[in-house]
Amino acid sequence: MKASKDYEESGQPDKAGGQEVEGEGGEQEIHVVSPNTTSALYCNSVQVNVTDDAVILQMVYVRPGTKQGVLLSEVALSPQHAIRLTQVIDTTVKRHFTRHLSLD
């Protein structure tokens, strides 16, 4: 999974409102367009549940000072996609934070 160059550099979708991502095997590019009603949500907790055939991510916002949370989104991934997502997040976070922050 790879975002287009415009998305990667600015952190925003390209001017067409979408982003290019590689398909399975890294060979195919798909233009992904977000509906105008889509908005970013702040998530400060993720619960991960695993079955034999899926990894389920529950994105939660926990209110500060409380033990009360709101489920924002639930995403089910195949084990293969979960492994790939882990690799992409690891690589991207390491690249960004080693470039922009000093890790004292």
Foldseek 3Di string as FASTA:
>chain_A
DDWDPVCLVPVAHPPVQWTWDADPVRPDIDTDHDPPPDDDDDFDDWDWDDDPFWIKIFGWHADPPDRDIDGDDIDIDGPVVVVVVVVVVVVSVVVVCVVPHDDD
